[in-house]
Structure formats: C-alpha cells, structure tokens
Amino acid sequence: MGAICTVVAIIILLVVGLPIRMMKKVNLWWKDHWWIAFILGTLAFAMMCVSWMPQFRIKMFDPETGSQFDSFHPVLSIGGWMLTIFSVLHFYPPLPWLKPKNHNAEQDVAADRQPLPNFNPNRPAVTRRQD
C-alpha cells in the first residue's frame, strides 16, 4: 500500500511541478534559484519532525482494542512528506555544464517565437517523384 501511495504522490507532484519543467522562463528562474528547493526540503523535514513532538500529537481511537493512543499530526507529516517529494523531484543542482551558454531568459523566450529560417509559406511543397 505504501508503494502505491508513493507512486501516486510522485505522479501528482510531477504534474504540479510541470510548469517548472515546461515553461522555459520559469525553468531558468528555478535553476538560478536552486536553493529554494533545498530550503523547501529542509522545511519539509522540519515539518515531519515537529509532527511527532508531544504538543502537536493527536489522540486516536483504536476500535479493536477500545483504547486511545497518541499519533503524529497528519497534516504536518503528510504535508512534509509531499513537500519533500516535490523538492527532490524539482531540485536542479548548480552544475556549470547544466547551464545553457545563453543564460538570458528574455532572449531564450524571444528566440522561441522567431520563425524558422528559409521558411516560405508560398513555396509549393516538395513531393517525391513516383517512377
């Protein structure tokens, strides 16, 4: 059951983080600010640790034994777990060979909008000669 929940969480967080990967301007900004994923991961780890502290624990009832017991705080622990997965999935270390040579996002976005060179819409399509 744990493996299924993990796979579902990874898929959901990949979709949530898809704009970071697909939008070039956001991707370059995220890569320039790589430390944000590191800070989010640290915050997530702290959330999971705090969820086990006595002042944040909640009382649960076990119907089989009829007794109450203390458990972790579900919002803090599951939120921290999801934030950890997001941070790991979208962490880009600042390695020099991963950075593009033209590192200006404005120029990259403008270059994506330029038409293809030597493209003439009035030129007839090239067809293969059939023998």
Protein backbone atom coordinates (compact mmCIF):
# COMPACT_ATOMS: atom_id res chain seq x y z
CA MET A 1 0.00 0.00 0.00
CA GLY A 2 2.87 2.36 0.78
CA ALA A 3 4.39 1.87 -2.67
CA ILE A 4 1.09 2.73 -4.35
CA CYS A 5 0.73 5.92 -2.28
CA THR A 6 4.31 6.89 -3.11
CA VAL A 7 3.82 6.37 -6.85
CA VAL A 8 0.56 8.35 -6.79
CA ALA A 9 2.24 11.17 -4.85
CA ILE A 10 5.17 11.30 -7.28
CA ILE A 11 2.81 11.47 -10.27
CA ILE A 12 0.73 14.23 -8.66
CA LEU A 13 3.80 16.26 -7.74
CA LEU A 14 5.30 15.84 -11.20
CA VAL A 15 2.10 17.29 -12.65
CA VAL A 16 2.12 20.12 -10.08
CA GLY A 17 5.73 20.90 -10.96
CA LEU A 18 5.21 20.53 -14.71
CA PRO A 19 5.24 24.30 -15.31
CA ILE A 20 8.74 24.40 -13.82
CA ARG A 21 9.88 21.91 -16.44
CA MET A 22 7.83 23.07 -19.44
CA MET A 23 7.93 26.87 -19.29
CA LYS A 24 11.42 27.97 -20.26
CA LYS A 25 11.39 31.25 -18.35
CA VAL A 26 10.16 29.59 -15.14
CA ASN A 27 12.63 26.73 -15.63
CA LEU A 28 15.59 29.09 -15.93
CA TRP A 29 14.42 31.09 -12.92
CA TRP A 30 14.04 27.88 -10.89
CA LYS A 31 17.53 26.75 -11.94
CA ASP A 32 19.00 30.13 -10.99
CA HIS A 33 17.30 29.91 -7.60
CA TRP A 34 18.20 26.25 -6.95
CA TRP A 35 18.45 26.88 -3.21
CA ILE A 36 14.65 27.30 -2.94
CA ALA A 37 14.17 23.54 -3.42
CA PHE A 38 16.82 22.94 -0.75
CA ILE A 39 15.04 25.28 1.69
CA LEU A 40 11.67 23.64 0.92
CA GLY A 41 13.22 20.23 1.62
CA THR A 42 14.63 21.48 4.93
CA LEU A 43 11.25 22.95 5.87
CA ALA A 44 9.55 19.67 4.94
CA PHE A 45 11.95 17.67 7.10
CA ALA A 46 11.27 20.06 10.00
CA MET A 47 7.50 19.63 9.47
CA MET A 48 7.85 15.85 9.71
CA CYS A 49 9.95 16.11 12.88
CA VAL A 50 7.53 18.58 14.51
CA SER A 51 4.60 16.27 13.76
CA TRP A 52 5.99 13.81 16.34
CA MET A 53 6.54 16.40 19.08
CA PRO A 54 4.21 15.92 22.09
CA GLN A 55 2.46 19.30 21.78
CA PHE A 56 1.45 18.51 18.16
CA ARG A 57 0.41 14.88 18.62
CA ILE A 58 -3.25 13.95 18.33
CA LYS A 59 -5.30 11.32 20.14
CA MET A 60 -6.52 8.40 18.03
CA PHE A 61 -9.02 5.71 18.97
CA ASP A 62 -8.39 2.06 18.11
CA PRO A 63 -11.77 0.32 17.77
CA GLU A 64 -10.26 -3.19 18.00
CA THR A 65 -8.69 -2.67 21.40
CA GLY A 66 -11.02 0.10 22.56
CA SER A 67 -8.12 2.26 23.67
CA GLN A 68 -6.77 5.68 22.80
CA PHE A 69 -3.19 6.36 21.74
CA ASP A 70 -1.09 9.32 20.63
CA SER A 71 -0.22 9.58 16.97
CA PHE A 72 1.64 12.01 14.75
CA HIS A 73 -0.08 15.11 13.38
CA PRO A 74 -1.30 14.00 9.93
CA VAL A 75 -1.30 17.44 8.26
CA LEU A 76 2.27 18.20 9.28
CA SER A 77 3.65 14.76 8.48
CA ILE A 78 1.88 14.17 5.16
CA GLY A 79 2.41 17.80 4.11
CA GLY A 80 6.09 17.48 4.94
CA TRP A 81 6.31 14.20 3.06
CA MET A 82 4.69 15.72 -0.06
CA LEU A 83 6.92 18.81 0.14
CA THR A 84 9.97 16.55 0.44
CA ILE A 85 8.98 14.65 -2.70
CA PHE A 86 8.38 17.93 -4.57
CA SER A 87 11.76 19.28 -3.51
CA VAL A 88 13.61 16.14 -4.55
CA LEU A 89 11.80 15.90 -7.90
CA HIS A 90 12.48 19.52 -8.81
CA PHE A 91 15.97 20.06 -7.42
CA TYR A 92 18.46 21.23 -10.02
CA PRO A 93 21.97 21.40 -8.58
CA PRO A 94 24.05 24.36 -9.79
CA LEU A 95 26.38 22.36 -12.02
CA PRO A 96 28.16 24.51 -14.62
CA TRP A 97 27.65 22.06 -17.50
CA LEU A 98 23.87 22.09 -16.96
CA LYS A 99 23.57 25.86 -17.53
CA PRO A 100 22.95 26.99 -21.11
CA LYS A 101 25.56 29.24 -22.69
CA ASN A 102 22.94 31.90 -23.44
CA HIS A 103 21.61 32.30 -19.92
CA ASN A 104 19.27 35.22 -20.55
CA ALA A 105 15.67 34.02 -20.23
CA GLU A 106 14.25 37.00 -22.14
CA GLN A 107 16.36 36.20 -25.21
CA ASP A 108 15.53 32.50 -24.99
CA VAL A 109 11.79 33.17 -24.94
CA ALA A 110 12.12 35.63 -27.85
CA ALA A 111 14.19 33.10 -29.81
CA ASP A 112 11.42 30.52 -29.40
CA ARG A 113 8.98 32.89 -31.12
CA GLN A 114 11.16 33.52 -34.19
CA PRO A 115 10.01 31.86 -37.44
CA LEU A 116 12.10 29.09 -38.89
CA PRO A 117 14.86 30.28 -41.26
CA ASN A 118 14.28 29.87 -45.02
CA PHE A 119 10.60 29.23 -44.50
CA ASN A 120 8.41 30.49 -47.32
CA PRO A 121 4.71 29.67 -46.98
CA ASN A 122 4.09 30.46 -50.69
CA ARG A 123 6.59 27.89 -51.91
CA PRO A 124 4.97 24.67 -53.11
CA ALA A 125 5.51 21.59 -51.04
CA VAL A 126 8.24 19.22 -52.23
CA THR A 127 6.82 15.93 -53.38
CA ARG A 128 8.55 12.69 -54.25
CA ARG A 129 8.70 11.73 -57.84
CA GLN A 130 6.98 8.45 -58.50
CA ASP A 131 8.63 6.23 -61.11
